[in-house]
Amino acid sequence: TIAAWGTHGAHLDRGAQVKRLLATLKAPVFHLGLSKEGHPKHPLYIAYQQLPEPWEF
């Protein structure tokens, strides 16, 4: 699973809600970079060469 919702995850605290849901998964979660606020970056704003990184939360 790759998390990539961008900074709009702060809207209505939706990012935190999704993060809690992802924490219940038995599979690893990855991101393609984190914003200054800690949200997983949206793929539209990342370099093509960026590799997924494990997201420990």
PDB file of N, CA and C in Angstrom:
ATOM      1  N   THR A   1       0.846  -1.168   0.000  1.00  0.00           N
ATOM      2  CA  THR A   1       0.000   0.000   0.000  1.00  0.00           C
ATOM      3  C   THR A   1       0.892   1.231   0.000  1.00  0.00           C
ATOM      4  N   ILE A   2       0.609   2.164  -0.897  1.00  0.00           N
ATOM      5  CA  ILE A   2       1.355   3.425  -0.938  1.00  0.00           C
ATOM      6  C   ILE A   2       0.402   4.550  -0.557  1.00  0.00           C
ATOM      7  N   ALA A   3       0.745   5.279   0.490  1.00  0.00           N
ATOM      8  CA  ALA A   3      -0.028   6.435   0.935  1.00  0.00           C
ATOM      9  C   ALA A   3       0.458   7.649   0.148  1.00  0.00           C
ATOM     10  N   ALA A   4      -0.474   8.411  -0.427  1.00  0.00           N
ATOM     11  CA  ALA A   4      -0.070   9.541  -1.273  1.00  0.00           C
ATOM     12  C   ALA A   4      -1.195  10.556  -1.417  1.00  0.00           C
ATOM     13  N   TRP A   5      -1.722  11.075  -0.308  1.00  0.00           N
ATOM     14  CA  TRP A   5      -2.861  11.986  -0.414  1.00  0.00           C
ATOM     15  C   TRP A   5      -2.479  13.458  -0.412  1.00  0.00           C
ATOM     16  N   GLY A   6      -1.245  13.797  -0.168  1.00  0.00           N
ATOM     17  CA  GLY A   6      -0.828  15.196  -0.202  1.00  0.00           C
ATOM     18  C   GLY A   6      -1.266  15.979   1.024  1.00  0.00           C
ATOM     19  N   THR A   7      -1.050  17.280   0.977  1.00  0.00           N
ATOM     20  CA  THR A   7      -1.322  18.132   2.140  1.00  0.00           C
ATOM     21  C   THR A   7      -2.807  18.320   2.415  1.00  0.00           C
ATOM     22  N   HIS A   8      -3.657  17.959   1.472  1.00  0.00           N
ATOM     23  CA  HIS A   8      -5.094  18.107   1.705  1.00  0.00           C
ATOM     24  C   HIS A   8      -5.615  17.101   2.732  1.00  0.00           C
ATOM     25  N   GLY A   9      -4.758  16.210   3.188  1.00  0.00           N
ATOM     26  CA  GLY A   9      -5.143  15.293   4.254  1.00  0.00           C
ATOM     27  C   GLY A   9      -5.464  16.019   5.548  1.00  0.00           C
ATOM     28  N   ALA A  10      -4.995  17.256   5.668  1.00  0.00           N
ATOM     29  CA  ALA A  10      -5.279  18.044   6.866  1.00  0.00           C
ATOM     30  C   ALA A  10      -6.743  18.487   6.909  1.00  0.00           C
ATOM     31  N   HIS A  11      -7.400  18.539   5.748  1.00  0.00           N
ATOM     32  CA  HIS A  11      -8.795  18.978   5.685  1.00  0.00           C
ATOM     33  C   HIS A  11      -9.684  18.003   6.455  1.00  0.00           C
ATOM     34  N   LEU A  12     -10.410  18.510   7.402  1.00  0.00           N
ATOM     35  CA  LEU A  12     -11.305  17.720   8.257  1.00  0.00           C
ATOM     36  C   LEU A  12     -10.581  16.581   8.960  1.00  0.00           C
ATOM     37  N   ASP A  13      -9.261  16.731   9.126  1.00  0.00           N
ATOM     38  CA  ASP A  13      -8.425  15.736   9.812  1.00  0.00           C
ATOM     39  C   ASP A  13      -8.489  14.372   9.130  1.00  0.00           C
ATOM     40  N   ARG A  14      -8.768  14.384   7.832  1.00  0.00           N
ATOM     41  CA  ARG A  14      -8.952  13.133   7.094  1.00  0.00           C
ATOM     42  C   ARG A  14      -7.660  12.321   7.025  1.00  0.00           C
ATOM     43  N   GLY A  15      -6.514  12.993   6.910  1.00  0.00           N
ATOM     44  CA  GLY A  15      -5.244  12.280   6.852  1.00  0.00           C
ATOM     45  C   GLY A  15      -5.010  11.433   8.092  1.00  0.00           C
ATOM     46  N   ALA A  16      -5.309  11.985   9.247  1.00  0.00           N
ATOM     47  CA  ALA A  16      -5.134  11.249  10.506  1.00  0.00           C
ATOM     48  C   ALA A  16      -6.081  10.052  10.570  1.00  0.00           C
ATOM     49  N   GLN A  17      -7.278  10.220  10.048  1.00  0.00           N
ATOM     50  CA  GLN A  17      -8.239   9.114  10.044  1.00  0.00           C
ATOM     51  C   GLN A  17      -7.752   7.973   9.152  1.00  0.00           C
ATOM     52  N   VAL A  18      -7.254   8.312   7.970  1.00  0.00           N
ATOM     53  CA  VAL A  18      -6.755   7.288   7.050  1.00  0.00           C
ATOM     54  C   VAL A  18      -5.519   6.620   7.638  1.00  0.00           C
ATOM     55  N   LYS A  19      -4.682   7.409   8.292  1.00  0.00           N
ATOM     56  CA  LYS A  19      -3.479   6.864   8.926  1.00  0.00           C
ATOM     57  C   LYS A  19      -3.843   5.813   9.977  1.00  0.00           C
ATOM     58  N   ARG A  20      -4.874   6.086  10.761  1.00  0.00           N
ATOM     59  CA  ARG A  20      -5.338   5.112  11.758  1.00  0.00           C
ATOM     60  C   ARG A  20      -5.837   3.833  11.082  1.00  0.00           C
ATOM     61  N   LEU A  21      -6.544   3.974   9.966  1.00  0.00           N
ATOM     62  CA  LEU A  21      -7.010   2.797   9.228  1.00  0.00           C
ATOM     63  C   LEU A  21      -5.833   1.997   8.683  1.00  0.00           C
ATOM     64  N   LEU A  22      -4.834   2.690   8.141  1.00  0.00           N
ATOM     65  CA  LEU A  22      -3.662   2.009   7.593  1.00  0.00           C
ATOM     66  C   LEU A  22      -2.893   1.272   8.684  1.00  0.00           C
ATOM     67  N   ALA A  23      -2.909   1.807   9.893  1.00  0.00           N
ATOM     68  CA  ALA A  23      -2.195   1.174  11.006  1.00  0.00           C
ATOM     69  C   ALA A  23      -2.776  -0.198  11.344  1.00  0.00           C
ATOM     70  N   THR A  24      -4.011  -0.449  10.954  1.00  0.00           N
ATOM     71  CA  THR A  24      -4.633  -1.745  11.240  1.00  0.00           C
ATOM     72  C   THR A  24      -4.254  -2.811  10.211  1.00  0.00           C
ATOM     73  N   LEU A  25      -3.616  -2.406   9.118  1.00  0.00           N
ATOM     74  CA  LEU A  25      -3.230  -3.364   8.079  1.00  0.00           C
ATOM     75  C   LEU A  25      -2.089  -4.253   8.547  1.00  0.00           C
ATOM     76  N   LYS A  26      -2.071  -5.448   8.055  1.00  0.00           N
ATOM     77  CA  LYS A  26      -0.960  -6.360   8.340  1.00  0.00           C
ATOM     78  C   LYS A  26       0.156  -6.180   7.311  1.00  0.00           C
ATOM     79  N   ALA A  27      -0.128  -5.463   6.230  1.00  0.00           N
ATOM     80  CA  ALA A  27       0.851  -5.231   5.165  1.00  0.00           C
ATOM     81  C   ALA A  27       1.622  -3.939   5.433  1.00  0.00           C
ATOM     82  N   PRO A  28       2.855  -3.835   4.930  1.00  0.00           N
ATOM     83  CA  PRO A  28       3.618  -2.597   5.105  1.00  0.00           C
ATOM     84  C   PRO A  28       2.999  -1.448   4.309  1.00  0.00           C
ATOM     85  N   VAL A  29       3.215  -0.232   4.790  1.00  0.00           N
ATOM     86  CA  VAL A  29       2.726   0.975   4.123  1.00  0.00           C
ATOM     87  C   VAL A  29       3.943   1.779   3.681  1.00  0.00           C
ATOM     88  N   PHE A  30       3.878   2.318   2.465  1.00  0.00           N
ATOM     89  CA  PHE A  30       4.977   3.093   1.899  1.00  0.00           C
ATOM     90  C   PHE A  30       4.495   4.494   1.553  1.00  0.00           C
ATOM     91  N   HIS A  31       5.448   5.413   1.366  1.00  0.00           N
ATOM     92  CA  HIS A  31       5.152   6.768   0.888  1.00  0.00           C
ATOM     93  C   HIS A  31       6.203   7.133  -0.147  1.00  0.00           C
ATOM     94  N   LEU A  32       5.944   8.199  -0.883  1.00  0.00           N
ATOM     95  CA  LEU A  32       6.875   8.676  -1.911  1.00  0.00           C
ATOM     96  C   LEU A  32       7.520   9.989  -1.492  1.00  0.00           C
ATOM     97  N   GLY A  33       7.530  10.249  -0.210  1.00  0.00           N
ATOM     98  CA  GLY A  33       8.060  11.490   0.350  1.00  0.00           C
ATOM     99  C   GLY A  33       7.018  12.076   1.288  1.00  0.00           C
ATOM    100  N   LEU A  34       7.480  12.835   2.274  1.00  0.00           N
ATOM    101  CA  LEU A  34       6.565  13.447   3.237  1.00  0.00           C
ATOM    102  C   LEU A  34       6.655  14.963   3.159  1.00  0.00           C
ATOM    103  N   SER A  35       5.531  15.630   3.345  1.00  0.00           N
ATOM    104  CA  SER A  35       5.509  17.092   3.373  1.00  0.00           C
ATOM    105  C   SER A  35       6.095  17.580   4.698  1.00  0.00           C
ATOM    106  N   LYS A  36       6.258  18.880   4.820  1.00  0.00           N
ATOM    107  CA  LYS A  36       6.767  19.457   6.071  1.00  0.00           C
ATOM    108  C   LYS A  36       5.861  19.108   7.248  1.00  0.00           C
ATOM    109  N   GLU A  37       4.570  18.968   6.964  1.00  0.00           N
ATOM    110  CA  GLU A  37       3.599  18.645   8.012  1.00  0.00           C
ATOM    111  C   GLU A  37       3.500  17.147   8.276  1.00  0.00           C
ATOM    112  N   GLY A  38       4.231  16.336   7.494  1.00  0.00           N
ATOM    113  CA  GLY A  38       4.225  14.894   7.704  1.00  0.00           C
ATOM    114  C   GLY A  38       3.214  14.117   6.881  1.00  0.00           C
ATOM    115  N   HIS A  39       2.528  14.798   5.948  1.00  0.00           N
ATOM    116  CA  HIS A  39       1.584  14.110   5.069  1.00  0.00           C
ATOM    117  C   HIS A  39       2.347  13.447   3.924  1.00  0.00           C
ATOM    118  N   PRO A  40       1.914  12.272   3.481  1.00  0.00           N
ATOM    119  CA  PRO A  40       2.567  11.643   2.332  1.00  0.00           C
ATOM    120  C   PRO A  40       2.294  12.466   1.072  1.00  0.00           C
ATOM    121  N   LYS A  41       3.340  12.779   0.338  1.00  0.00           N
ATOM    122  CA  LYS A  41       3.205  13.642  -0.839  1.00  0.00           C
ATOM    123  C   LYS A  41       2.358  12.996  -1.930  1.00  0.00           C
ATOM    124  N   HIS A  42       1.657  13.845  -2.673  1.00  0.00           N
ATOM    125  CA  HIS A  42       0.850  13.399  -3.808  1.00  0.00           C
ATOM    126  C   HIS A  42       1.791  13.115  -4.982  1.00  0.00           C
ATOM    127  N   PRO A  43       1.563  12.045  -5.744  1.00  0.00           N
ATOM    128  CA  PRO A  43       2.462  11.675  -6.852  1.00  0.00           C
ATOM    129  C   PRO A  43       2.643  12.766  -7.904  1.00  0.00           C
ATOM    130  N   LEU A  44       1.683  13.648  -8.054  1.00  0.00           N
ATOM    131  CA  LEU A  44       1.789  14.721  -9.041  1.00  0.00           C
ATOM    132  C   LEU A  44       2.982  15.638  -8.760  1.00  0.00           C
ATOM    133  N   TYR A  45       3.404  15.717  -7.508  1.00  0.00           N
ATOM    134  CA  TYR A  45       4.441  16.665  -7.109  1.00  0.00           C
ATOM    135  C   TYR A  45       5.772  16.007  -6.770  1.00  0.00           C
ATOM    136  N   ILE A  46       6.006  14.797  -7.259  1.00  0.00           N
ATOM    137  CA  ILE A  46       7.249  14.099  -6.940  1.00  0.00           C
ATOM    138  C   ILE A  46       7.981  13.732  -8.216  1.00  0.00           C
ATOM    139  N   ALA A  47       9.293  13.623  -8.097  1.00  0.00           N
ATOM    140  CA  ALA A  47      10.121  13.235  -9.244  1.00  0.00           C
ATOM    141  C   ALA A  47       9.795  11.805  -9.669  1.00  0.00           C
ATOM    142  N   TYR A  48       9.891  11.551 -10.948  1.00  0.00           N
ATOM    143  CA  TYR A  48       9.597  10.232 -11.513  1.00  0.00           C
ATOM    144  C   TYR A  48      10.492   9.154 -10.908  1.00  0.00           C
ATOM    145  N   GLN A  49      11.725   9.500 -10.570  1.00  0.00           N
ATOM    146  CA  GLN A  49      12.701   8.535 -10.060  1.00  0.00           C
ATOM    147  C   GLN A  49      12.486   8.170  -8.595  1.00  0.00           C
ATOM    148  N   GLN A  50      11.614   8.883  -7.908  1.00  0.00           N
ATOM    149  CA  GLN A  50      11.412   8.649  -6.473  1.00  0.00           C
ATOM    150  C   GLN A  50      10.922   7.226  -6.213  1.00  0.00           C
ATOM    151  N   LEU A  51      11.616   6.524  -5.361  1.00  0.00           N
ATOM    152  CA  LEU A  51      11.231   5.164  -4.991  1.00  0.00           C
ATOM    153  C   LEU A  51      10.402   5.185  -3.708  1.00  0.00           C
ATOM    154  N   PRO A  52       9.481   4.256  -3.559  1.00  0.00           N
ATOM    155  CA  PRO A  52       8.696   4.179  -2.319  1.00  0.00           C
ATOM    156  C   PRO A  52       9.597   3.904  -1.116  1.00  0.00           C
ATOM    157  N   GLU A  53       9.270   4.537  -0.004  1.00  0.00           N
ATOM    158  CA  GLU A  53       9.998   4.343   1.249  1.00  0.00           C
ATOM    159  C   GLU A  53       9.021   3.801   2.288  1.00  0.00           C
ATOM    160  N   PRO A  54       9.475   2.910   3.157  1.00  0.00           N
ATOM    161  CA  PRO A  54       8.587   2.408   4.220  1.00  0.00           C
ATOM    162  C   PRO A  54       8.121   3.560   5.109  1.00  0.00           C
ATOM    163  N   TRP A  55       6.877   3.533   5.505  1.00  0.00           N
ATOM    164  CA  TRP A  55       6.322   4.571   6.375  1.00  0.00           C
ATOM    165  C   TRP A  55       6.011   3.955   7.724  1.00  0.00           C
ATOM    166  N   GLU A  56       6.831   4.269   8.689  1.00  0.00           N
ATOM    167  CA  GLU A  56       6.643   3.796  10.066  1.00  0.00           C
ATOM    168  C   GLU A  56       5.916   4.888  10.839  1.00  0.00           C
ATOM    169  N   PHE A  57       4.753   4.574  11.351  1.00  0.00           N
ATOM    170  CA  PHE A  57       4.019   5.556  12.147  1.00  0.00           C
ATOM    171  C   PHE A  57       3.354   4.901  13.321  1.00  0.00           C
TER     172      PHE A  57
END
